[in-house]
Amino acid sequence: MSGLAYSQKELNKPIKQVLILNLERKAIMVFNMTFVRPANFYLSGFSNIPHTNFYYVFLCFVYIVTVLGNVFLLFVIFLVKSLHTPKYMIVFHLALTDLCGSTALIPKVLDTFLFDRRYIVYEACLSYMFFVFLFGSLQSWTLVIMAYDRLIAIYVPLRYHSIVTKKSIAAMLLFSWVFLLSLITCLVDLIDRLSFCGSLVVQSFYCDHGPIYRLACNDTMLNSIMAYVTITVVICIPLILIAITYVCISIALSRIASKEERLRALKTCTSHLILIAIFCLPLLYTNIAALASYIHPNTRIINSSLTHTLPALLNPIIYSLKTEEVLNAIKKLWKRHHLCNIVSK
C-alpha cells in the first residue's frame, strides 16, 4: 500500500507542475494585456504662444550657421598640421559633437513644427532621445577635458607636453564615449519598460526624457532615479570638476609675478569659460527646476532649445576668431589656396 501511495504522489507531481505553468502563463498574458506600448507620441511644442514659426525659422538659421562654422573648423584642424596637437584634438572632438548634436535635434524639430508632423513613432522617439542626450553628454564632458588641458598648461607648464599627449587625450575621449554610451543606453532602455495608458502628449519640442516618463501609468521610480543620476553625471560632476580646475588655475595665476603674463594666461581660458556658461548653466537651471518643483513647458522648451543650439553655434566662432593659432592656420590655408590659384593660372 505504501508503495502504491508513493507512486500516486509521484503521478500527482506532473499534474501540479502543469497547473502552476498554466497559472504562470495566464499571469503573463494578463501582464501583457495591461502593458501598453503606444504606436506614436504627440510632440506639443509651445502652448498659447502666437507666431512660433518665427522661432523655428530662427533655429533653422542657427543650424545652417552651426553646420558651416563647425565643418569649416573641422576642415581647418584636419588640413593644418600645426594644429595636430592634443589641445586641438579636443577642439576637433567638440566641433564634431556640436555638429552631430545639432543634426540630431534641429532638422527633426523643423520637420515636426514647420510642416506640422507632430506625431512620432514610438521607436523613432526613443532613438531621437538617445542621440540628443548622447551628444549633449559628450559636449559636457569634452568641456571637462578642455578644463584639464588648460589646468596642466597653466599649473605645470614645463611638464605640459609630457602629461597632455595625443594618447592620453584619445584615451580620455574614448572613455567618455564608452561610459556615456552605456549611461544613455540604460536611460533610454528604462523607458521601454513603461506602460502608457493615458495621455501621449509630450510637453516638449523633442522626445525629452522627463516629459515622456511622467506620462507612464506604472511605477516610474527607476526612471526618476536614472534622471537624477544622468543630471549628476552630465551636468553636476562636470561643473564641480571644472570649478576645481579653475580654483587650481587661480592659485597658479596668483603665483605669477607679472600682470601681463597673468592676463595672457587668463585669456587662454576665456573662450572655454564662455562655452561653459552658455552650455551648463541654463541646462542646470532647467533640470533642477523640473525635478525640484515645476517648470512651465514653454520655459523648458526655450531653455532646452537654446542650450542645445547656441553653444554649437558659438564654438567655431570662439575658437576661430579668438584663437591666434586657428587664425594663423586659416591665413596659411588662404595663402596656400591663393598660391595654387596663381600657379594654375
C-alpha atoms as a PDB file:
ATOM      1  CA  MET A   1       0.000   0.000   0.000  1.00  0.00           C
ATOM      2  CA  SER A   2       2.765   2.334   0.926  1.00  0.00           C
ATOM      3  CA  GLY A   3       4.456   1.632  -2.440  1.00  0.00           C
ATOM      4  CA  LEU A   4       1.183   2.352  -4.243  1.00  0.00           C
ATOM      5  CA  ALA A   5       0.686   5.606  -2.304  1.00  0.00           C
ATOM      6  CA  TYR A   6       4.213   6.663  -3.152  1.00  0.00           C
ATOM      7  CA  SER A   7       3.681   6.126  -6.866  1.00  0.00           C
ATOM      8  CA  GLN A   8       0.377   8.065  -6.704  1.00  0.00           C
ATOM      9  CA  LYS A   9       2.227  11.078  -5.204  1.00  0.00           C
ATOM     10  CA  GLU A  10       4.758  10.844  -7.993  1.00  0.00           C
ATOM     11  CA  LEU A  11       1.943  10.828 -10.571  1.00  0.00           C
ATOM     12  CA  ASN A  12       0.373  13.909  -8.965  1.00  0.00           C
ATOM     13  CA  LYS A  13       3.602  15.934  -9.254  1.00  0.00           C
ATOM     14  CA  PRO A  14       3.468  16.468 -13.041  1.00  0.00           C
ATOM     15  CA  ILE A  15      -0.201  17.497 -12.786  1.00  0.00           C
ATOM     16  CA  LYS A  16       0.685  20.145 -10.182  1.00  0.00           C
ATOM     17  CA  GLN A  17       3.551  21.404 -12.334  1.00  0.00           C
ATOM     18  CA  VAL A  18       1.214  21.697 -15.355  1.00  0.00           C
ATOM     19  CA  LEU A  19      -1.299  23.661 -13.242  1.00  0.00           C
ATOM     20  CA  ILE A  20       1.440  26.016 -11.989  1.00  0.00           C
ATOM     21  CA  LEU A  21       2.721  26.557 -15.554  1.00  0.00           C
ATOM     22  CA  ASN A  22      -0.823  27.324 -16.756  1.00  0.00           C
ATOM     23  CA  LEU A  23      -1.290  29.858 -13.934  1.00  0.00           C
ATOM     24  CA  GLU A  24       2.055  31.495 -14.793  1.00  0.00           C
ATOM     25  CA  ARG A  25       1.060  31.692 -18.471  1.00  0.00           C
ATOM     26  CA  LYS A  26      -2.247  33.304 -17.550  1.00  0.00           C
ATOM     27  CA  ALA A  27      -0.416  35.834 -15.327  1.00  0.00           C
ATOM     28  CA  ILE A  28       1.970  36.673 -18.193  1.00  0.00           C
ATOM     29  CA  MET A  29      -0.989  37.097 -20.579  1.00  0.00           C
ATOM     30  CA  VAL A  30      -2.729  39.436 -18.110  1.00  0.00           C
ATOM     31  CA  PHE A  31       0.508  41.415 -17.671  1.00  0.00           C
ATOM     32  CA  ASN A  32       0.940  41.699 -21.459  1.00  0.00           C
ATOM     33  CA  MET A  33      -2.655  42.864 -21.815  1.00  0.00           C
ATOM     34  CA  THR A  34      -2.101  45.652 -19.264  1.00  0.00           C
ATOM     35  CA  PHE A  35       1.301  46.622 -20.716  1.00  0.00           C
ATOM     36  CA  VAL A  36       0.627  49.353 -23.268  1.00  0.00           C
ATOM     37  CA  ARG A  37       3.274  50.471 -25.733  1.00  0.00           C
ATOM     38  CA  PRO A  38       1.906  53.306 -27.882  1.00  0.00           C
ATOM     39  CA  ALA A  39       2.296  53.420 -31.654  1.00  0.00           C
ATOM     40  CA  ASN A  40       3.048  57.166 -31.547  1.00  0.00           C
ATOM     41  CA  PHE A  41       3.736  60.114 -29.267  1.00  0.00           C
ATOM     42  CA  TYR A  42       2.486  63.626 -29.967  1.00  0.00           C
ATOM     43  CA  LEU A  43       5.001  66.478 -29.551  1.00  0.00           C
ATOM     44  CA  SER A  44       3.098  69.521 -28.325  1.00  0.00           C
ATOM     45  CA  GLY A  45       5.745  72.248 -28.703  1.00  0.00           C
ATOM     46  CA  PHE A  46       4.831  75.730 -27.467  1.00  0.00           C
ATOM     47  CA  SER A  47       1.408  76.298 -25.974  1.00  0.00           C
ATOM     48  CA  ASN A  48      -0.619  79.536 -26.327  1.00  0.00           C
ATOM     49  CA  ILE A  49       2.223  81.482 -27.989  1.00  0.00           C
ATOM     50  CA  PRO A  50       1.414  83.126 -31.356  1.00  0.00           C
ATOM     51  CA  HIS A  51       3.795  83.181 -34.343  1.00  0.00           C
ATOM     52  CA  THR A  52       6.001  80.347 -33.035  1.00  0.00           C
ATOM     53  CA  ASN A  53       7.024  79.555 -36.619  1.00  0.00           C
ATOM     54  CA  PHE A  54       9.373  82.556 -36.476  1.00  0.00           C
ATOM     55  CA  TYR A  55      11.241  80.872 -33.605  1.00  0.00           C
ATOM     56  CA  TYR A  56      11.638  77.668 -35.629  1.00  0.00           C
ATOM     57  CA  VAL A  57      12.876  79.693 -38.616  1.00  0.00           C
ATOM     58  CA  PHE A  58      15.440  81.240 -36.234  1.00  0.00           C
ATOM     59  CA  LEU A  59      16.519  77.695 -35.229  1.00  0.00           C
ATOM     60  CA  CYS A  60      16.855  76.857 -38.929  1.00  0.00           C
ATOM     61  CA  PHE A  61      19.198  79.840 -39.393  1.00  0.00           C
ATOM     62  CA  VAL A  62      21.168  78.797 -36.288  1.00  0.00           C
ATOM     63  CA  TYR A  63      21.523  75.262 -37.684  1.00  0.00           C
ATOM     64  CA  ILE A  64      22.819  76.463 -41.079  1.00  0.00           C
ATOM     65  CA  VAL A  65      25.460  78.701 -39.427  1.00  0.00           C
ATOM     66  CA  THR A  66      26.330  75.881 -36.978  1.00  0.00           C
ATOM     67  CA  VAL A  67      26.946  73.397 -39.788  1.00  0.00           C
ATOM     68  CA  LEU A  68      29.008  75.873 -41.846  1.00  0.00           C
ATOM     69  CA  GLY A  69      31.067  77.035 -38.845  1.00  0.00           C
ATOM     70  CA  ASN A  70      31.798  73.583 -37.404  1.00  0.00           C
ATOM     71  CA  VAL A  71      32.547  71.986 -40.786  1.00  0.00           C
ATOM     72  CA  PHE A  72      34.949  74.864 -41.514  1.00  0.00           C
ATOM     73  CA  LEU A  73      36.670  74.433 -38.118  1.00  0.00           C
ATOM     74  CA  LEU A  74      36.971  70.644 -38.617  1.00  0.00           C
ATOM     75  CA  PHE A  75      38.340  71.275 -42.122  1.00  0.00           C
ATOM     76  CA  VAL A  76      40.992  73.746 -40.845  1.00  0.00           C
ATOM     77  CA  ILE A  77      42.149  71.484 -37.970  1.00  0.00           C
ATOM     78  CA  PHE A  78      42.316  68.459 -40.279  1.00  0.00           C
ATOM     79  CA  LEU A  79      44.313  70.190 -43.022  1.00  0.00           C
ATOM     80  CA  VAL A  80      46.791  72.268 -40.991  1.00  0.00           C
ATOM     81  CA  LYS A  81      49.485  70.050 -39.442  1.00  0.00           C
ATOM     82  CA  SER A  82      50.470  72.649 -36.829  1.00  0.00           C
ATOM     83  CA  LEU A  83      47.014  72.096 -35.251  1.00  0.00           C
ATOM     84  CA  HIS A  84      47.516  68.338 -34.910  1.00  0.00           C
ATOM     85  CA  THR A  85      48.108  68.720 -31.166  1.00  0.00           C
ATOM     86  CA  PRO A  86      46.324  67.304 -28.077  1.00  0.00           C
ATOM     87  CA  LYS A  87      44.581  70.652 -27.456  1.00  0.00           C
ATOM     88  CA  TYR A  88      43.103  70.759 -30.942  1.00  0.00           C
ATOM     89  CA  MET A  89      42.142  67.083 -30.751  1.00  0.00           C
ATOM     90  CA  ILE A  90      39.736  68.220 -28.007  1.00  0.00           C
ATOM     91  CA  VAL A  91      38.548  71.222 -30.068  1.00  0.00           C
ATOM     92  CA  PHE A  92      38.022  68.881 -33.071  1.00  0.00           C
ATOM     93  CA  HIS A  93      36.008  66.490 -30.896  1.00  0.00           C
ATOM     94  CA  LEU A  94      33.873  69.338 -29.508  1.00  0.00           C
ATOM     95  CA  ALA A  95      33.150  70.649 -33.025  1.00  0.00           C
ATOM     96  CA  LEU A  96      32.232  67.118 -34.157  1.00  0.00           C
ATOM     97  CA  THR A  97      29.851  66.512 -31.213  1.00  0.00           C
ATOM     98  CA  ASP A  98      28.353  70.003 -31.703  1.00  0.00           C
ATOM     99  CA  LEU A  99      27.702  69.211 -35.351  1.00  0.00           C
ATOM    100  CA  CYS A 100      26.226  65.768 -34.606  1.00  0.00           C
ATOM    101  CA  GLY A 101      24.138  67.060 -31.677  1.00  0.00           C
ATOM    102  CA  SER A 102      22.620  69.891 -33.737  1.00  0.00           C
ATOM    103  CA  THR A 103      21.950  67.498 -36.629  1.00  0.00           C
ATOM    104  CA  ALA A 104      20.257  65.013 -34.291  1.00  0.00           C
ATOM    105  CA  LEU A 105      17.947  67.715 -32.922  1.00  0.00           C
ATOM    106  CA  ILE A 106      17.191  70.694 -35.188  1.00  0.00           C
ATOM    107  CA  PRO A 107      16.199  69.107 -38.562  1.00  0.00           C
ATOM    108  CA  LYS A 108      13.626  66.919 -36.787  1.00  0.00           C
ATOM    109  CA  VAL A 109      12.307  69.924 -34.805  1.00  0.00           C
ATOM    110  CA  LEU A 110      11.852  71.868 -38.054  1.00  0.00           C
ATOM    111  CA  ASP A 111      10.136  68.907 -39.724  1.00  0.00           C
ATOM    112  CA  THR A 112       7.829  68.455 -36.700  1.00  0.00           C
ATOM    113  CA  PHE A 113       6.647  72.035 -36.245  1.00  0.00           C
ATOM    114  CA  LEU A 114       7.163  73.892 -39.531  1.00  0.00           C
ATOM    115  CA  PHE A 115       5.471  71.088 -41.508  1.00  0.00           C
ATOM    116  CA  ASP A 116       3.102  70.101 -38.660  1.00  0.00           C
ATOM    117  CA  ARG A 117       4.195  66.447 -38.365  1.00  0.00           C
ATOM    118  CA  ARG A 118       3.840  66.235 -34.629  1.00  0.00           C
ATOM    119  CA  TYR A 119       3.160  62.505 -34.333  1.00  0.00           C
ATOM    120  CA  ILE A 120       6.347  60.490 -33.936  1.00  0.00           C
ATOM    121  CA  VAL A 121       6.626  56.691 -33.950  1.00  0.00           C
ATOM    122  CA  TYR A 122       7.471  55.172 -30.542  1.00  0.00           C
ATOM    123  CA  GLU A 123      10.774  53.574 -31.655  1.00  0.00           C
ATOM    124  CA  ALA A 124      11.822  56.720 -33.549  1.00  0.00           C
ATOM    125  CA  CYS A 125      11.084  58.763 -30.418  1.00  0.00           C
ATOM    126  CA  LEU A 126      13.439  56.636 -28.302  1.00  0.00           C
ATOM    127  CA  SER A 127      16.166  56.868 -30.970  1.00  0.00           C
ATOM    128  CA  TYR A 128      15.654  60.636 -31.091  1.00  0.00           C
ATOM    129  CA  MET A 129      16.042  60.857 -27.300  1.00  0.00           C
ATOM    130  CA  PHE A 130      19.151  58.640 -27.358  1.00  0.00           C
ATOM    131  CA  PHE A 131      21.125  60.692 -29.886  1.00  0.00           C
ATOM    132  CA  VAL A 132      20.184  64.106 -28.449  1.00  0.00           C
ATOM    133  CA  PHE A 133      21.173  63.011 -24.931  1.00  0.00           C
ATOM    134  CA  LEU A 134      24.337  61.224 -26.081  1.00  0.00           C
ATOM    135  CA  PHE A 135      25.820  64.173 -27.978  1.00  0.00           C
ATOM    136  CA  GLY A 136      24.724  66.630 -25.267  1.00  0.00           C
ATOM    137  CA  SER A 137      26.540  64.494 -22.671  1.00  0.00           C
ATOM    138  CA  LEU A 138      29.644  64.263 -24.839  1.00  0.00           C
ATOM    139  CA  GLN A 139      29.709  68.055 -25.217  1.00  0.00           C
ATOM    140  CA  SER A 140      29.607  68.415 -21.431  1.00  0.00           C
ATOM    141  CA  TRP A 141      32.492  66.004 -20.787  1.00  0.00           C
ATOM    142  CA  THR A 142      34.543  67.452 -23.660  1.00  0.00           C
ATOM    143  CA  LEU A 143      34.423  70.768 -21.771  1.00  0.00           C
ATOM    144  CA  VAL A 144      35.834  68.917 -18.721  1.00  0.00           C
ATOM    145  CA  ILE A 145      38.730  67.554 -20.801  1.00  0.00           C
ATOM    146  CA  MET A 146      39.335  71.100 -22.095  1.00  0.00           C
ATOM    147  CA  ALA A 147      39.470  72.359 -18.497  1.00  0.00           C
ATOM    148  CA  TYR A 148      42.035  69.627 -17.695  1.00  0.00           C
ATOM    149  CA  ASP A 149      44.127  70.744 -20.696  1.00  0.00           C
ATOM    150  CA  ARG A 150      44.075  74.399 -19.510  1.00  0.00           C
ATOM    151  CA  LEU A 151      44.908  73.337 -15.927  1.00  0.00           C
ATOM    152  CA  ILE A 152      48.063  71.447 -16.945  1.00  0.00           C
ATOM    153  CA  ALA A 153      49.104  74.235 -19.353  1.00  0.00           C
ATOM    154  CA  ILE A 154      48.942  76.886 -16.594  1.00  0.00           C
ATOM    155  CA  TYR A 155      49.606  74.911 -13.392  1.00  0.00           C
ATOM    156  CA  VAL A 156      52.586  72.828 -14.620  1.00  0.00           C
ATOM    157  CA  PRO A 157      53.577  74.394 -17.978  1.00  0.00           C
ATOM    158  CA  LEU A 158      57.037  72.775 -18.073  1.00  0.00           C
ATOM    159  CA  ARG A 159      55.508  69.274 -17.901  1.00  0.00           C
ATOM    160  CA  TYR A 160      52.583  70.032 -20.241  1.00  0.00           C
ATOM    161  CA  HIS A 161      53.914  68.169 -23.296  1.00  0.00           C
ATOM    162  CA  SER A 162      54.841  65.089 -21.265  1.00  0.00           C
ATOM    163  CA  ILE A 163      51.444  64.904 -19.477  1.00  0.00           C
ATOM    164  CA  VAL A 164      48.995  66.069 -22.164  1.00  0.00           C
ATOM    165  CA  THR A 165      49.823  63.753 -25.060  1.00  0.00           C
ATOM    166  CA  LYS A 166      47.745  62.593 -28.021  1.00  0.00           C
ATOM    167  CA  LYS A 167      47.459  59.144 -26.429  1.00  0.00           C
ATOM    168  CA  SER A 168      46.231  60.468 -23.080  1.00  0.00           C
ATOM    169  CA  ILE A 169      43.633  62.752 -24.714  1.00  0.00           C
ATOM    170  CA  ALA A 170      42.493  59.944 -27.048  1.00  0.00           C
ATOM    171  CA  ALA A 171      42.102  57.648 -24.012  1.00  0.00           C
ATOM    172  CA  MET A 172      40.001  60.276 -22.173  1.00  0.00           C
ATOM    173  CA  LEU A 173      37.770  60.860 -25.204  1.00  0.00           C
ATOM    174  CA  LEU A 174      37.341  57.119 -25.782  1.00  0.00           C
ATOM    175  CA  PHE A 175      36.457  56.536 -22.113  1.00  0.00           C
ATOM    176  CA  SER A 176      33.857  59.329 -22.248  1.00  0.00           C
ATOM    177  CA  TRP A 177      32.280  57.708 -25.322  1.00  0.00           C
ATOM    178  CA  VAL A 178      32.108  54.229 -23.769  1.00  0.00           C
ATOM    179  CA  PHE A 179      30.867  55.451 -20.386  1.00  0.00           C
ATOM    180  CA  LEU A 180      28.251  57.862 -21.749  1.00  0.00           C
ATOM    181  CA  LEU A 181      27.031  55.365 -24.356  1.00  0.00           C
ATOM    182  CA  SER A 182      26.374  52.901 -21.521  1.00  0.00           C
ATOM    183  CA  LEU A 183      24.654  55.540 -19.358  1.00  0.00           C
ATOM    184  CA  ILE A 184      22.360  56.917 -22.083  1.00  0.00           C
ATOM    185  CA  THR A 185      21.527  53.405 -23.348  1.00  0.00           C
ATOM    186  CA  CYS A 186      20.405  52.496 -19.827  1.00  0.00           C
ATOM    187  CA  LEU A 187      18.412  55.750 -19.515  1.00  0.00           C
ATOM    188  CA  VAL A 188      16.517  55.166 -22.772  1.00  0.00           C
ATOM    189  CA  ASP A 189      16.111  51.409 -22.250  1.00  0.00           C
ATOM    190  CA  LEU A 190      14.276  52.021 -18.961  1.00  0.00           C
ATOM    191  CA  ILE A 191      11.599  53.971 -20.898  1.00  0.00           C
ATOM    192  CA  ASP A 192      10.880  50.759 -22.820  1.00  0.00           C
ATOM    193  CA  ARG A 193       9.645  49.023 -19.639  1.00  0.00           C
ATOM    194  CA  LEU A 194       6.921  51.605 -19.045  1.00  0.00           C
ATOM    195  CA  SER A 195       3.245  51.294 -19.879  1.00  0.00           C
ATOM    196  CA  PHE A 196       1.484  54.293 -21.439  1.00  0.00           C
ATOM    197  CA  CYS A 197      -2.243  54.004 -20.914  1.00  0.00           C
ATOM    198  CA  GLY A 198      -3.167  57.699 -20.576  1.00  0.00           C
ATOM    199  CA  SER A 199      -2.058  60.834 -22.385  1.00  0.00           C
ATOM    200  CA  LEU A 200       0.518  60.531 -25.176  1.00  0.00           C
ATOM    201  CA  VAL A 201       1.103  64.284 -25.495  1.00  0.00           C
ATOM    202  CA  VAL A 202       4.774  65.102 -24.778  1.00  0.00           C
ATOM    203  CA  GLN A 203       5.054  68.629 -23.368  1.00  0.00           C
ATOM    204  CA  SER A 204       8.292  69.396 -25.193  1.00  0.00           C
ATOM    205  CA  PHE A 205       9.741  70.177 -28.621  1.00  0.00           C
ATOM    206  CA  TYR A 206      11.530  66.797 -28.863  1.00  0.00           C
ATOM    207  CA  CYS A 207      11.374  63.385 -27.180  1.00  0.00           C
ATOM    208  CA  ASP A 208      12.655  64.634 -23.830  1.00  0.00           C
ATOM    209  CA  HIS A 209      13.178  62.086 -21.060  1.00  0.00           C
ATOM    210  CA  GLY A 210      11.313  63.808 -18.196  1.00  0.00           C
ATOM    211  CA  PRO A 211       8.094  64.721 -20.051  1.00  0.00           C
ATOM    212  CA  ILE A 212       7.882  61.174 -21.502  1.00  0.00           C
ATOM    213  CA  TYR A 213       8.451  59.013 -18.426  1.00  0.00           C
ATOM    214  CA  ARG A 214       5.970  61.124 -16.439  1.00  0.00           C
ATOM    215  CA  LEU A 215       3.234  60.058 -18.912  1.00  0.00           C
ATOM    216  CA  ALA A 216       3.578  56.406 -17.839  1.00  0.00           C
ATOM    217  CA  CYS A 217       0.875  54.821 -15.689  1.00  0.00           C
ATOM    218  CA  ASN A 218       3.046  52.210 -13.947  1.00  0.00           C
ATOM    219  CA  ASP A 219       5.934  52.618 -11.481  1.00  0.00           C
ATOM    220  CA  THR A 220       8.483  55.219 -12.701  1.00  0.00           C
ATOM    221  CA  MET A 221      10.786  55.133  -9.664  1.00  0.00           C
ATOM    222  CA  LEU A 222      13.720  53.656 -11.628  1.00  0.00           C
ATOM    223  CA  ASN A 223      13.291  56.280 -14.358  1.00  0.00           C
ATOM    224  CA  SER A 224      13.260  59.054 -11.774  1.00  0.00           C
ATOM    225  CA  ILE A 225      16.437  57.702 -10.133  1.00  0.00           C
ATOM    226  CA  MET A 226      18.088  57.399 -13.548  1.00  0.00           C
ATOM    227  CA  ALA A 227      17.125  61.006 -14.351  1.00  0.00           C
ATOM    228  CA  TYR A 228      18.883  62.193 -11.168  1.00  0.00           C
ATOM    229  CA  VAL A 229      21.925  60.016 -11.948  1.00  0.00           C
ATOM    230  CA  THR A 230      22.145  61.387 -15.507  1.00  0.00           C
ATOM    231  CA  ILE A 231      21.846  65.017 -14.366  1.00  0.00           C
ATOM    232  CA  THR A 232      24.562  64.370 -11.767  1.00  0.00           C
ATOM    233  CA  VAL A 233      26.901  62.698 -14.264  1.00  0.00           C
ATOM    234  CA  VAL A 234      26.263  65.005 -17.231  1.00  0.00           C
ATOM    235  CA  ILE A 235      25.918  68.407 -15.517  1.00  0.00           C
ATOM    236  CA  CYS A 236      26.781  68.449 -11.797  1.00  0.00           C
ATOM    237  CA  ILE A 237      30.026  66.417 -11.786  1.00  0.00           C
ATOM    238  CA  PRO A 238      31.449  68.227 -14.869  1.00  0.00           C
ATOM    239  CA  LEU A 239      30.649  71.611 -13.275  1.00  0.00           C
ATOM    240  CA  ILE A 240      32.305  70.570  -9.994  1.00  0.00           C
ATOM    241  CA  LEU A 241      35.409  69.279 -11.807  1.00  0.00           C
ATOM    242  CA  ILE A 242      35.625  72.439 -13.929  1.00  0.00           C
ATOM    243  CA  ALA A 243      35.217  74.602 -10.807  1.00  0.00           C
ATOM    244  CA  ILE A 244      38.066  72.686  -9.091  1.00  0.00           C
ATOM    245  CA  THR A 245      40.334  73.129 -12.138  1.00  0.00           C
ATOM    246  CA  TYR A 246      39.698  76.882 -12.176  1.00  0.00           C
ATOM    247  CA  VAL A 247      40.417  77.171  -8.448  1.00  0.00           C
ATOM    248  CA  CYS A 248      43.775  75.498  -9.150  1.00  0.00           C
ATOM    249  CA  ILE A 249      44.306  77.788 -12.168  1.00  0.00           C
ATOM    250  CA  SER A 250      43.576  80.846  -9.972  1.00  0.00           C
ATOM    251  CA  ILE A 251      46.151  79.656  -7.405  1.00  0.00           C
ATOM    252  CA  ALA A 252      48.705  79.160 -10.197  1.00  0.00           C
ATOM    253  CA  LEU A 253      47.981  82.623 -11.655  1.00  0.00           C
ATOM    254  CA  SER A 254      48.348  84.270  -8.230  1.00  0.00           C
ATOM    255  CA  ARG A 255      51.933  82.978  -8.113  1.00  0.00           C
ATOM    256  CA  ILE A 256      52.823  84.668 -11.414  1.00  0.00           C
ATOM    257  CA  ALA A 257      54.552  87.955 -10.677  1.00  0.00           C
ATOM    258  CA  SER A 258      53.947  89.747 -13.964  1.00  0.00           C
ATOM    259  CA  LYS A 259      50.462  91.163 -14.560  1.00  0.00           C
ATOM    260  CA  GLU A 260      50.882  90.815 -18.339  1.00  0.00           C
ATOM    261  CA  GLU A 261      51.667  87.100 -18.002  1.00  0.00           C
ATOM    262  CA  ARG A 262      48.571  86.625 -15.816  1.00  0.00           C
ATOM    263  CA  LEU A 263      46.349  88.308 -18.391  1.00  0.00           C
ATOM    264  CA  ARG A 264      47.901  86.273 -21.213  1.00  0.00           C
ATOM    265  CA  ALA A 265      47.301  83.017 -19.309  1.00  0.00           C
ATOM    266  CA  LEU A 266      43.766  84.055 -18.373  1.00  0.00           C
ATOM    267  CA  LYS A 267      42.994  84.961 -21.981  1.00  0.00           C
ATOM    268  CA  THR A 268      43.506  81.320 -22.983  1.00  0.00           C
ATOM    269  CA  CYS A 269      40.665  80.355 -20.595  1.00  0.00           C
ATOM    270  CA  THR A 270      38.059  82.980 -21.549  1.00  0.00           C
ATOM    271  CA  SER A 271      36.667  81.126 -24.585  1.00  0.00           C
ATOM    272  CA  HIS A 272      36.334  77.957 -22.505  1.00  0.00           C
ATOM    273  CA  LEU A 273      34.549  79.813 -19.671  1.00  0.00           C
ATOM    274  CA  ILE A 274      32.112  81.420 -22.134  1.00  0.00           C
ATOM    275  CA  LEU A 275      31.173  77.983 -23.520  1.00  0.00           C
ATOM    276  CA  ILE A 276      30.670  76.562 -20.005  1.00  0.00           C
ATOM    277  CA  ALA A 277      28.395  79.464 -19.008  1.00  0.00           C
ATOM    278  CA  ILE A 278      26.288  79.151 -22.184  1.00  0.00           C
ATOM    279  CA  PHE A 279      26.031  75.348 -22.113  1.00  0.00           C
ATOM    280  CA  CYS A 280      25.912  74.231 -18.491  1.00  0.00           C
ATOM    281  CA  LEU A 281      24.124  76.955 -16.509  1.00  0.00           C
ATOM    282  CA  PRO A 282      20.783  77.073 -18.431  1.00  0.00           C
ATOM    283  CA  LEU A 283      20.724  73.262 -18.595  1.00  0.00           C
ATOM    284  CA  LEU A 284      21.379  73.016 -14.853  1.00  0.00           C
ATOM    285  CA  TYR A 285      18.610  75.518 -14.068  1.00  0.00           C
ATOM    286  CA  THR A 286      16.077  73.739 -16.347  1.00  0.00           C
ATOM    287  CA  ASN A 287      16.692  70.268 -14.919  1.00  0.00           C
ATOM    288  CA  ILE A 288      16.823  71.326 -11.258  1.00  0.00           C
ATOM    289  CA  ALA A 289      13.604  73.336 -11.653  1.00  0.00           C
ATOM    290  CA  ALA A 290      11.898  70.423 -13.429  1.00  0.00           C
ATOM    291  CA  LEU A 291      12.920  67.877 -10.761  1.00  0.00           C
ATOM    292  CA  ALA A 292      12.517  70.081  -7.685  1.00  0.00           C
ATOM    293  CA  SER A 293       9.176  71.718  -8.400  1.00  0.00           C
ATOM    294  CA  TYR A 294       7.515  72.681 -11.692  1.00  0.00           C
ATOM    295  CA  ILE A 295       8.714  74.456 -14.789  1.00  0.00           C
ATOM    296  CA  HIS A 296       6.327  75.707 -17.448  1.00  0.00           C
ATOM    297  CA  PRO A 297       6.668  73.696 -20.698  1.00  0.00           C
ATOM    298  CA  ASN A 298       7.263  76.902 -22.701  1.00  0.00           C
ATOM    299  CA  THR A 299      10.146  77.908 -20.403  1.00  0.00           C
ATOM    300  CA  ARG A 300      11.596  74.402 -20.615  1.00  0.00           C
ATOM    301  CA  ILE A 301      11.357  74.431 -24.422  1.00  0.00           C
ATOM    302  CA  ILE A 302      13.101  77.827 -24.796  1.00  0.00           C
ATOM    303  CA  ASN A 303      15.863  76.956 -22.289  1.00  0.00           C
ATOM    304  CA  SER A 304      16.474  73.471 -23.712  1.00  0.00           C
ATOM    305  CA  SER A 305      16.407  74.526 -27.359  1.00  0.00           C
ATOM    306  CA  LEU A 306      18.824  77.425 -26.848  1.00  0.00           C
ATOM    307  CA  THR A 307      21.114  75.307 -24.646  1.00  0.00           C
ATOM    308  CA  HIS A 308      21.276  72.590 -27.305  1.00  0.00           C
ATOM    309  CA  THR A 309      21.858  75.014 -30.202  1.00  0.00           C
ATOM    310  CA  LEU A 310      23.707  78.194 -29.163  1.00  0.00           C
ATOM    311  CA  PRO A 311      26.930  76.569 -27.821  1.00  0.00           C
ATOM    312  CA  ALA A 312      27.256  74.602 -31.076  1.00  0.00           C
ATOM    313  CA  LEU A 313      26.823  77.875 -33.000  1.00  0.00           C
ATOM    314  CA  LEU A 314      29.320  79.851 -30.882  1.00  0.00           C
ATOM    315  CA  ASN A 315      32.029  77.193 -30.542  1.00  0.00           C
ATOM    316  CA  PRO A 316      33.566  77.653 -34.037  1.00  0.00           C
ATOM    317  CA  ILE A 317      33.278  81.452 -33.752  1.00  0.00           C
ATOM    318  CA  ILE A 318      35.076  81.468 -30.384  1.00  0.00           C
ATOM    319  CA  TYR A 319      37.805  79.059 -31.496  1.00  0.00           C
ATOM    320  CA  SER A 320      38.259  80.607 -34.961  1.00  0.00           C
ATOM    321  CA  LEU A 321      38.120  84.338 -34.259  1.00  0.00           C
ATOM    322  CA  LYS A 322      39.524  84.417 -30.694  1.00  0.00           C
ATOM    323  CA  THR A 323      42.358  81.894 -31.045  1.00  0.00           C
ATOM    324  CA  GLU A 324      45.583  83.113 -32.605  1.00  0.00           C
ATOM    325  CA  GLU A 325      46.694  79.618 -33.643  1.00  0.00           C
ATOM    326  CA  VAL A 326      43.489  78.977 -35.632  1.00  0.00           C
ATOM    327  CA  LEU A 327      43.642  82.440 -37.244  1.00  0.00           C
ATOM    328  CA  ASN A 328      47.224  81.772 -38.333  1.00  0.00           C
ATOM    329  CA  ALA A 329      46.174  78.376 -39.672  1.00  0.00           C
ATOM    330  CA  ILE A 330      43.339  79.994 -41.684  1.00  0.00           C
ATOM    331  CA  LYS A 331      45.851  82.523 -43.099  1.00  0.00           C
ATOM    332  CA  LYS A 332      48.179  79.657 -44.091  1.00  0.00           C
ATOM    333  CA  LEU A 333      45.333  77.865 -45.868  1.00  0.00           C
ATOM    334  CA  TRP A 334      44.293  81.063 -47.632  1.00  0.00           C
ATOM    335  CA  LYS A 335      47.871  81.747 -48.811  1.00  0.00           C
ATOM    336  CA  ARG A 336      48.226  78.142 -49.974  1.00  0.00           C
ATOM    337  CA  HIS A 337      44.926  78.324 -51.872  1.00  0.00           C
ATOM    338  CA  HIS A 338      45.826  81.732 -53.347  1.00  0.00           C
ATOM    339  CA  LEU A 339      49.252  80.430 -54.446  1.00  0.00           C
ATOM    340  CA  CYS A 340      47.650  77.368 -56.072  1.00  0.00           C
ATOM    341  CA  ASN A 341      45.279  79.637 -57.998  1.00  0.00           C
ATOM    342  CA  ILE A 342      48.202  81.774 -59.252  1.00  0.00           C
ATOM    343  CA  VAL A 343      50.177  78.678 -60.330  1.00  0.00           C
ATOM    344  CA  SER A 344      47.159  77.178 -62.121  1.00  0.00           C
ATOM    345  CA  LYS A 345      46.554  80.451 -63.974  1.00  0.00           C
END
